[in-house]
Amino acid sequence: MRLADSFRSERFGAVRIHELQRVIELDSGSSEALRAVESQMVVVVPCMNETRSVIEGVLSGIPHDCLIVLVSNSDRQPVDRYEIEAQTVEQFCRLAGRSAITVHQRDPGVAAAVKAAGMPELIDDDGLVRAGKGEAMLLGMALAAMTGRQYIGYVDADNYVPGSVHEYCKAYAAGLAQADSPYAMVRISWHSKPKLRDGRLFFSRKGRSSQITNEWLNRFLAEYSGFGTEVIATGNAGEHAMTLALGLKLRIAGGFAVEPYEYMDLFEQFGGVLESTDPDVMASSVPVLQIETRNPHFHDNKGEEHVRGMRMQALNVLYHSPVTLPAVRQSILDFLIEQGALATGQEPPRERTYPPVGTLDLDLLYDALDAEALSFRQPDGLALTGRPPAPPIDRASIPRRVA
């Protein structure tokens, strides 16, 4: 893959946000650098009640050298949708000669393991891991950390085009390969999101939620710099990747606040406004590379209420951030009242946030998952075909705590 050069970036303390880079060539003729990253990458697929054919397509788009982790929050009654998903992954691994990890985030054994490993905040009143996308991503990152690989990427399970999944993963590898810091992030901006209008496809360039999120994140930056900016184009990027060295230091927000909160947590921890406890990161800097893909993004339309919820959660984390300046905070409040999302006198609710995955006792987490979580599986495509086994997680090499 060949990317256009990024000539400009904006700084916020140690955070360097690079302007949007376009994909020039999907295949640039040299793949060694990309394969080196892919062989060290875990791709986490949060999944909720997607059809088998859509899941198969997503799996087929993930490059061969990447390790797949599917974290499901699908219904288990009256039909056990997770069992169908797990069987789909196992069959794929057998046919492709690959390994994977699957788990259901509402498995009681998973909750027991997470609590024992040191993160009771993740457990709800029913004694289970909370049912949200951010929570699924946190669990996926914990599993990725156990594998000893260096990178993690996220791909949503509701993608109808395997080729776009493949492009996202290649873009992750290309961005991480050119990053000049061990603490790097790559965020994807879709080329377009097609919709049917008057009987024909209209290739919209801006999502209904991302347009709002990007605008307010850029206003946040502009209030500090005194200069208008449109540098942030990936506020709601569900498709994104990072080094695990960075990921294990980030706090994670629940639900759909997870992606915009990644920006805010970078600003809070490494922006220089608040005192940082990580001198290594401050010295290395945190490059955020934004890449615009070539493939359009086709996925299920979840409705206007879903979009409004995503917007609200993004603005909630911005409003309550300790580094958001009063003028921006007041403007957010005025905007939400004008939109009818809040009544006069109300404040936006606080989103739930969790400690970094690096604070978990991963050694203990694995033992508890292995003993108690019936949904925790590690299909090994090589072993299934009679070849030497290649399990995703080597129990002997798991650190007790990463950070």
Protein backbone atom coordinates (compact mmCIF):
# COMPACT_ATOMS: atom_id res chain seq x y z
CA MET A 1 0.00 0.00 0.00
CA ARG A 2 1.22 3.50 -0.82
CA LEU A 3 -0.01 6.51 1.15
CA ALA A 4 0.17 10.18 0.24
CA ASP A 5 2.68 12.11 2.30
CA SER A 6 1.42 13.98 5.33
CA PHE A 7 3.10 17.37 5.23
CA ARG A 8 1.23 19.01 8.08
CA SER A 9 0.29 18.09 11.60
CA GLU A 10 -1.09 19.89 14.63
CA ARG A 11 0.45 19.51 18.07
CA PHE A 12 -1.32 19.31 21.37
CA GLY A 13 1.50 18.72 23.81
CA ALA A 14 3.06 15.37 22.90
CA VAL A 15 0.12 14.44 20.64
CA ARG A 16 0.78 14.97 16.91
CA ILE A 17 -2.38 14.80 14.79
CA HIS A 18 -1.47 14.35 11.13
CA GLU A 19 -3.69 15.66 8.39
CA LEU A 20 -5.71 13.12 6.42
CA GLN A 21 -3.61 10.94 4.12
CA ARG A 22 -5.08 9.37 0.98
CA VAL A 23 -4.39 5.86 -0.23
CA ILE A 24 -2.49 6.26 -3.51
CA GLU A 25 -2.11 2.56 -4.32
CA LEU A 26 -3.79 -0.40 -2.64
CA ASP A 27 -0.80 -2.52 -3.67
CA SER A 28 2.49 -0.65 -4.04
CA GLY A 29 4.48 -3.73 -5.05
CA SER A 30 6.39 -4.22 -1.79
CA SER A 31 4.74 -5.99 1.12
CA GLU A 32 7.58 -6.98 3.48
CA ALA A 33 7.15 -3.96 5.75
CA LEU A 34 3.40 -4.50 5.91
CA ARG A 35 3.71 -8.22 6.63
CA ALA A 36 6.16 -7.48 9.44
CA VAL A 37 3.46 -5.38 11.13
CA GLU A 38 0.60 -7.75 10.28
CA SER A 39 2.44 -10.70 11.81
CA GLN A 40 2.47 -8.73 15.07
CA MET A 41 -1.12 -7.46 14.85
CA VAL A 42 -4.27 -8.63 16.62
CA VAL A 43 -7.51 -7.60 14.88
CA VAL A 44 -10.44 -7.39 17.30
CA VAL A 45 -13.94 -7.77 15.86
CA PRO A 46 -16.71 -6.62 18.25
CA CYS A 47 -19.86 -8.45 17.14
CA MET A 48 -23.54 -8.27 18.00
CA ASN A 49 -26.17 -10.33 16.18
CA GLU A 50 -24.65 -10.19 12.71
CA THR A 51 -25.51 -12.83 10.14
CA ARG A 52 -23.14 -15.71 9.49
CA SER A 53 -22.46 -14.58 5.92
CA VAL A 54 -21.48 -11.06 7.02
CA ILE A 55 -19.15 -12.44 9.70
CA GLU A 56 -17.56 -14.82 7.19
CA GLY A 57 -16.92 -11.89 4.86
CA VAL A 58 -15.27 -9.83 7.60
CA LEU A 59 -13.03 -12.76 8.59
CA SER A 60 -12.02 -13.32 4.97
CA GLY A 61 -10.86 -9.70 4.66
CA ILE A 62 -8.43 -9.79 7.60
CA PRO A 63 -4.88 -10.45 6.33
CA HIS A 64 -3.58 -13.97 6.89
CA ASP A 65 -0.78 -13.05 9.30
CA CYS A 66 -3.07 -11.13 11.67
CA LEU A 67 -4.58 -12.87 14.67
CA ILE A 68 -8.38 -12.62 14.90
CA VAL A 69 -10.17 -11.97 18.20
CA LEU A 70 -13.98 -12.00 18.07
CA VAL A 71 -15.72 -10.49 21.10
CA SER A 72 -19.44 -11.16 20.96
CA ASN A 73 -22.41 -9.60 22.71
CA SER A 74 -24.94 -11.54 20.63
CA ASP A 75 -28.16 -13.08 21.90
CA ARG A 76 -27.83 -16.53 23.44
CA GLN A 77 -31.55 -17.27 23.66
CA PRO A 78 -33.82 -18.53 22.16
CA VAL A 79 -31.11 -19.25 19.56
CA ASP A 80 -27.51 -19.19 20.72
CA ARG A 81 -26.11 -16.71 18.22
CA TYR A 82 -22.68 -16.83 19.83
CA GLU A 83 -22.43 -20.56 19.22
CA ILE A 84 -23.08 -19.93 15.52
CA GLU A 85 -20.38 -17.22 15.50
CA ALA A 86 -17.85 -19.42 17.29
CA GLN A 87 -18.50 -22.29 14.88
CA THR A 88 -18.08 -19.89 11.95
CA VAL A 89 -14.70 -18.76 13.27
CA GLU A 90 -13.59 -22.34 13.93
CA GLN A 91 -14.55 -23.42 10.42
CA PHE A 92 -12.74 -20.42 8.95
CA CYS A 93 -9.61 -21.24 10.97
CA ARG A 94 -9.67 -24.84 9.77
CA LEU A 95 -10.05 -23.85 6.12
CA ALA A 96 -7.51 -21.00 6.26
CA GLY A 97 -4.97 -22.66 8.56
CA ARG A 98 -5.18 -19.85 11.12
CA SER A 99 -5.68 -19.35 14.82
CA ALA A 100 -8.22 -17.13 16.56
CA ILE A 101 -9.79 -16.33 19.91
CA THR A 102 -13.53 -16.03 20.56
CA VAL A 103 -15.36 -15.04 23.72
CA HIS A 104 -18.79 -13.77 24.80
CA GLN A 105 -18.54 -10.66 26.92
CA ARG A 106 -21.67 -11.53 28.97
CA ASP A 107 -20.33 -14.94 29.97
CA PRO A 108 -20.45 -15.14 33.83
CA GLY A 109 -17.01 -16.74 33.76
CA VAL A 110 -15.62 -13.71 31.91
CA ALA A 111 -17.04 -11.40 34.59
CA ALA A 112 -15.48 -13.48 37.34
CA ALA A 113 -12.13 -13.43 35.55
CA VAL A 114 -12.20 -9.65 34.97
CA LYS A 115 -13.10 -9.00 38.59
CA ALA A 116 -10.36 -11.30 39.88
CA ALA A 117 -7.83 -9.62 37.56
CA GLY A 118 -8.48 -6.22 39.11
CA MET A 119 -11.20 -4.37 37.21
CA PRO A 120 -14.49 -4.62 39.15
CA GLU A 121 -15.61 -1.36 37.47
CA LEU A 122 -16.40 -3.38 34.34
CA ILE A 123 -19.08 -5.44 36.11
CA ASP A 124 -22.75 -4.38 36.18
CA ASP A 125 -25.47 -4.95 38.79
CA ASP A 126 -26.22 -8.38 37.32
CA GLY A 127 -22.66 -9.47 37.96
CA LEU A 128 -21.75 -9.53 34.25
CA VAL A 129 -19.43 -7.46 32.04
CA ARG A 130 -21.35 -4.37 30.93
CA ALA A 131 -23.01 -4.68 27.53
CA GLY A 132 -21.33 -1.97 25.46
CA LYS A 133 -18.99 -1.57 22.52
CA GLY A 134 -16.27 0.07 24.59
CA GLU A 135 -16.45 -2.80 27.04
CA ALA A 136 -16.06 -5.31 24.19
CA MET A 137 -13.04 -3.39 22.90
CA LEU A 138 -11.47 -3.37 26.36
CA LEU A 139 -11.89 -7.13 26.66
CA GLY A 140 -10.44 -7.56 23.16
CA MET A 141 -7.40 -5.49 24.10
CA ALA A 142 -6.83 -7.61 27.22
CA LEU A 143 -6.86 -10.76 25.09
CA ALA A 144 -4.51 -9.12 22.58
CA ALA A 145 -2.07 -8.23 25.35
CA MET A 146 -1.90 -11.91 26.38
CA THR A 147 -0.70 -12.94 22.92
CA GLY A 148 2.55 -10.99 23.14
CA ARG A 149 1.90 -9.23 19.81
CA GLN A 150 2.76 -5.54 19.39
CA TYR A 151 -0.25 -4.02 17.61
CA ILE A 152 -4.03 -4.03 17.89
CA GLY A 153 -6.61 -3.04 15.29
CA TYR A 154 -10.41 -2.90 15.46
CA VAL A 155 -12.86 -3.78 12.69
CA ASP A 156 -16.64 -3.59 13.12
CA ALA A 157 -18.49 -6.83 12.38
CA ASP A 158 -21.32 -5.18 10.39
CA ASN A 159 -19.20 -4.53 7.28
CA TYR A 160 -20.75 -5.94 4.10
CA VAL A 161 -17.62 -5.59 1.92
CA PRO A 162 -14.66 -7.91 2.71
CA GLY A 163 -12.43 -5.83 0.43
CA SER A 164 -12.89 -2.75 2.63
CA VAL A 165 -11.97 -4.78 5.73
CA HIS A 166 -8.80 -5.86 3.94
CA GLU A 167 -7.99 -2.26 3.02
CA TYR A 168 -8.48 -1.08 6.61
CA CYS A 169 -6.01 -3.67 7.90
CA LYS A 170 -3.48 -2.81 5.20
CA ALA A 171 -3.86 0.87 6.09
CA TYR A 172 -3.25 0.04 9.75
CA ALA A 173 -0.05 -1.76 8.82
CA ALA A 174 1.10 0.99 6.45
CA GLY A 175 0.48 3.72 9.02
CA LEU A 176 2.11 1.86 11.90
CA ALA A 177 5.09 0.93 9.71
CA GLN A 178 5.80 4.60 8.98
CA ALA A 179 5.12 5.87 12.52
CA ASP A 180 8.22 7.22 14.21
CA SER A 181 7.19 6.45 17.79
CA PRO A 182 6.41 3.30 19.79
CA TYR A 183 3.22 5.06 20.90
CA ALA A 184 1.28 5.47 17.66
CA MET A 185 -2.33 5.35 16.49
CA VAL A 186 -3.91 4.99 13.02
CA ARG A 187 -7.51 6.06 12.45
CA ILE A 188 -9.55 5.40 9.31
CA SER A 189 -11.75 7.89 7.50
CA TRP A 190 -14.10 6.15 5.06
CA HIS A 191 -13.88 7.30 1.46
CA SER A 192 -17.67 7.31 1.35
CA LYS A 193 -20.74 5.78 2.96
CA PRO A 194 -23.25 4.92 0.20
CA LYS A 195 -26.99 5.37 0.69
CA LEU A 196 -29.96 4.82 -1.57
CA ARG A 197 -31.59 8.06 -2.75
CA ASP A 198 -34.36 8.13 -5.33
CA GLY A 199 -33.52 4.65 -6.56
CA ARG A 200 -29.77 5.20 -7.00
CA LEU A 201 -26.67 5.11 -4.81
CA PHE A 202 -25.43 8.38 -3.35
CA PHE A 203 -21.87 8.23 -2.04
CA SER A 204 -22.00 10.51 1.00
CA ARG A 205 -18.62 11.81 2.18
CA LYS A 206 -19.60 12.59 5.77
CA GLY A 207 -21.37 10.47 8.35
CA ARG A 208 -24.23 11.97 10.34
CA SER A 209 -22.49 11.42 13.66
CA SER A 210 -18.83 11.90 12.67
CA GLN A 211 -19.56 15.33 11.18
CA ILE A 212 -20.67 16.62 14.58
CA THR A 213 -17.95 14.85 16.56
CA ASN A 214 -15.17 16.10 14.29
CA GLU A 215 -16.49 19.66 14.40
CA TRP A 216 -16.42 19.81 18.19
CA LEU A 217 -13.05 18.10 18.57
CA ASN A 218 -11.61 20.67 16.17
CA ARG A 219 -13.27 23.49 18.12
CA PHE A 220 -11.60 22.08 21.23
CA LEU A 221 -8.17 22.38 19.53
CA ALA A 222 -8.94 25.81 18.07
CA GLU A 223 -9.83 27.24 21.46
CA TYR A 224 -6.30 26.47 22.65
CA SER A 225 -4.41 27.51 19.52
CA GLY A 226 -6.47 30.52 18.53
CA PHE A 227 -6.58 29.23 14.95
CA GLY A 228 -9.46 27.43 13.27
CA THR A 229 -8.72 23.88 12.18
CA GLU A 230 -10.27 20.87 10.49
CA VAL A 231 -7.38 18.51 11.16
CA ILE A 232 -9.46 15.91 13.05
CA ALA A 233 -11.45 13.83 10.56
CA THR A 234 -11.77 10.59 12.55
CA GLY A 235 -13.56 11.40 15.80
CA ASN A 236 -15.89 8.39 15.53
CA ALA A 237 -13.45 6.04 13.78
CA GLY A 238 -14.63 2.54 14.67
CA GLU A 239 -11.86 1.26 12.41
CA HIS A 240 -8.59 2.18 14.06
CA ALA A 241 -5.36 0.62 15.28
CA MET A 242 -2.52 1.41 17.64
CA THR A 243 0.60 0.03 19.20
CA LEU A 244 -0.22 -2.00 22.29
CA ALA A 245 2.44 0.02 24.08
CA LEU A 246 0.05 2.97 23.70
CA GLY A 247 -3.22 1.07 23.99
CA LEU A 248 -2.37 -0.44 27.35
CA LYS A 249 -1.90 3.06 28.79
CA LEU A 250 -5.22 4.48 27.55
CA ARG A 251 -8.34 4.64 29.64
CA ILE A 252 -11.39 3.32 27.80
CA ALA A 253 -14.91 4.73 27.74
CA GLY A 254 -17.99 2.54 27.69
CA GLY A 255 -20.51 2.19 24.90
CA PHE A 256 -20.11 4.33 21.77
CA ALA A 257 -18.15 6.99 23.64
CA VAL A 258 -15.08 4.81 23.20
CA GLU A 259 -13.70 6.26 19.94
CA PRO A 260 -14.00 10.03 20.66
CA TYR A 261 -12.77 9.44 24.20
CA GLU A 262 -9.52 8.04 22.81
CA TYR A 263 -8.75 11.53 21.51
CA MET A 264 -9.73 13.17 24.80
CA ASP A 265 -7.69 10.71 26.84
CA LEU A 266 -4.65 11.42 24.66
CA PHE A 267 -5.15 15.13 25.30
CA GLU A 268 -5.62 14.59 29.03
CA GLN A 269 -2.67 12.24 29.55
CA PHE A 270 -0.17 13.60 27.02
CA GLY A 271 -1.41 17.06 26.04
CA GLY A 272 0.74 18.94 28.54
CA VAL A 273 -2.22 20.71 30.17
CA LEU A 274 -2.36 18.23 33.04
CA GLU A 275 0.74 16.74 34.59
CA SER A 276 1.71 13.51 32.85
CA THR A 277 2.81 10.39 34.71
CA ASP A 278 4.45 8.97 31.55
CA PRO A 279 7.73 10.75 30.74
CA ASP A 280 8.63 8.10 28.14
CA VAL A 281 5.50 8.86 26.10
CA MET A 282 5.98 12.60 26.48
CA ALA A 283 9.53 12.29 25.18
CA SER A 284 8.60 10.02 22.25
CA SER A 285 5.36 11.83 21.30
CA VAL A 286 2.12 10.22 20.12
CA PRO A 287 1.57 10.43 16.34
CA VAL A 288 -2.07 10.02 15.26
CA LEU A 289 -2.18 9.13 11.57
CA GLN A 290 -5.50 9.54 9.75
CA ILE A 291 -5.97 7.62 6.50
CA GLU A 292 -8.75 8.02 3.96
CA THR A 293 -9.58 4.72 2.29
CA ARG A 294 -10.53 3.95 -1.32
CA ASN A 295 -13.31 1.43 -0.67
CA PRO A 296 -16.77 2.70 0.23
CA HIS A 297 -18.16 1.52 3.54
CA PHE A 298 -21.40 -0.48 3.37
CA HIS A 299 -22.97 -1.44 6.67
CA ASP A 300 -26.33 -1.83 8.30
CA ASN A 301 -28.37 1.33 8.91
CA LYS A 302 -29.08 1.31 12.64
CA GLY A 303 -31.43 4.29 12.55
CA GLU A 304 -31.52 7.91 13.65
CA GLU A 305 -31.80 7.11 17.36
CA HIS A 306 -28.51 5.22 17.22
CA VAL A 307 -26.84 8.19 15.48
CA ARG A 308 -28.21 10.66 18.04
CA GLY A 309 -26.88 8.46 20.85
CA MET A 310 -23.40 8.40 19.32
CA ARG A 311 -23.39 12.19 18.96
CA MET A 312 -24.52 12.65 22.54
CA GLN A 313 -21.91 10.32 23.96
CA ALA A 314 -19.14 12.07 22.02
CA LEU A 315 -20.18 15.49 23.31
CA ASN A 316 -20.58 14.12 26.84
CA VAL A 317 -16.91 13.10 27.04
CA LEU A 318 -15.80 16.42 25.55
CA TYR A 319 -17.95 18.43 27.94
CA HIS A 320 -16.72 16.69 31.08
CA SER A 321 -13.03 16.51 30.16
CA PRO A 322 -10.85 18.44 32.63
CA VAL A 323 -8.88 19.90 29.70
CA THR A 324 -11.92 21.34 27.87
CA LEU A 325 -11.91 25.12 28.16
CA PRO A 326 -15.00 26.87 29.59
CA ALA A 327 -15.96 28.53 26.30
CA VAL A 328 -16.17 25.18 24.51
CA ARG A 329 -18.00 23.60 27.42
CA GLN A 330 -20.63 26.35 27.35
CA SER A 331 -20.99 26.08 23.57
CA ILE A 332 -21.60 22.34 23.85
CA LEU A 333 -24.27 22.96 26.47
CA ASP A 334 -25.98 25.57 24.29
CA PHE A 335 -25.83 23.25 21.27
CA LEU A 336 -27.39 20.30 23.11
CA ILE A 337 -30.18 22.49 24.48
CA GLU A 338 -30.83 23.92 21.02
CA GLN A 339 -30.98 20.38 19.59
CA GLY A 340 -33.49 19.32 22.24
CA ALA A 341 -31.09 16.77 23.73
CA LEU A 342 -31.06 18.62 27.07
CA ALA A 343 -33.49 20.88 28.89
CA THR A 344 -32.40 24.27 30.20
CA GLY A 345 -30.56 23.77 33.46
CA GLN A 346 -29.52 20.21 32.67
CA GLU A 347 -25.95 19.04 32.23
CA PRO A 348 -24.78 16.27 29.89
CA PRO A 349 -24.45 12.93 31.69
CA ARG A 350 -20.98 11.57 32.42
CA GLU A 351 -19.91 8.56 30.39
CA ARG A 352 -18.48 5.57 32.19
CA THR A 353 -14.71 5.20 31.88
CA TYR A 354 -12.38 2.38 32.86
CA PRO A 355 -8.74 2.14 33.96
CA PRO A 356 -6.11 1.16 31.36
CA VAL A 357 -5.96 -2.50 30.36
CA GLY A 358 -2.30 -2.42 31.39
CA THR A 359 -3.41 -2.35 35.05
CA LEU A 360 -5.00 -5.81 34.77
CA ASP A 361 -3.27 -8.89 36.10
CA LEU A 362 -3.20 -10.69 32.75
CA ASP A 363 -1.69 -13.86 34.18
CA LEU A 364 -4.59 -14.22 36.61
CA LEU A 365 -7.10 -13.15 33.95
CA TYR A 366 -6.04 -15.95 31.62
CA ASP A 367 -6.18 -18.61 34.33
CA ALA A 368 -9.68 -17.53 35.36
CA LEU A 369 -10.92 -17.37 31.76
CA ASP A 370 -9.50 -20.81 31.04
CA ALA A 371 -11.09 -22.29 34.16
CA GLU A 372 -14.46 -20.54 34.28
CA ALA A 373 -15.43 -18.92 30.96
CA LEU A 374 -17.19 -21.56 28.86
CA SER A 375 -17.33 -19.20 25.86
CA PHE A 376 -13.55 -18.63 25.83
CA ARG A 377 -12.15 -20.58 22.88
CA GLN A 378 -8.92 -20.65 20.91
CA PRO A 379 -9.53 -22.47 17.62
CA ASP A 380 -6.21 -23.53 16.12
CA GLY A 381 -6.48 -24.11 12.39
CA LEU A 382 -3.11 -25.84 12.17
CA ALA A 383 -3.90 -28.31 14.93
CA LEU A 384 -7.36 -28.94 13.46
CA THR A 385 -5.72 -30.20 10.26
CA GLY A 386 -3.20 -32.42 12.05
CA ARG A 387 -0.21 -30.06 11.87
CA PRO A 388 1.84 -28.81 14.84
CA PRO A 389 -0.40 -26.64 17.01
CA ALA A 390 -0.05 -22.84 17.09
CA PRO A 391 -2.33 -21.62 19.91
CA PRO A 392 -2.82 -17.82 20.01
CA ILE A 393 -1.86 -17.49 23.67
CA ASP A 394 1.26 -19.03 25.21
CA ARG A 395 0.37 -19.36 28.88
CA ALA A 396 4.02 -19.33 29.96
CA SER A 397 4.75 -15.93 28.41
CA ILE A 398 1.84 -13.88 29.82
CA PRO A 399 3.02 -11.02 32.08
CA ARG A 400 1.18 -10.46 35.35
CA ARG A 401 0.83 -6.75 34.67
CA VAL A 402 1.89 -4.80 31.62
CA ALA A 403 1.77 -1.30 33.11
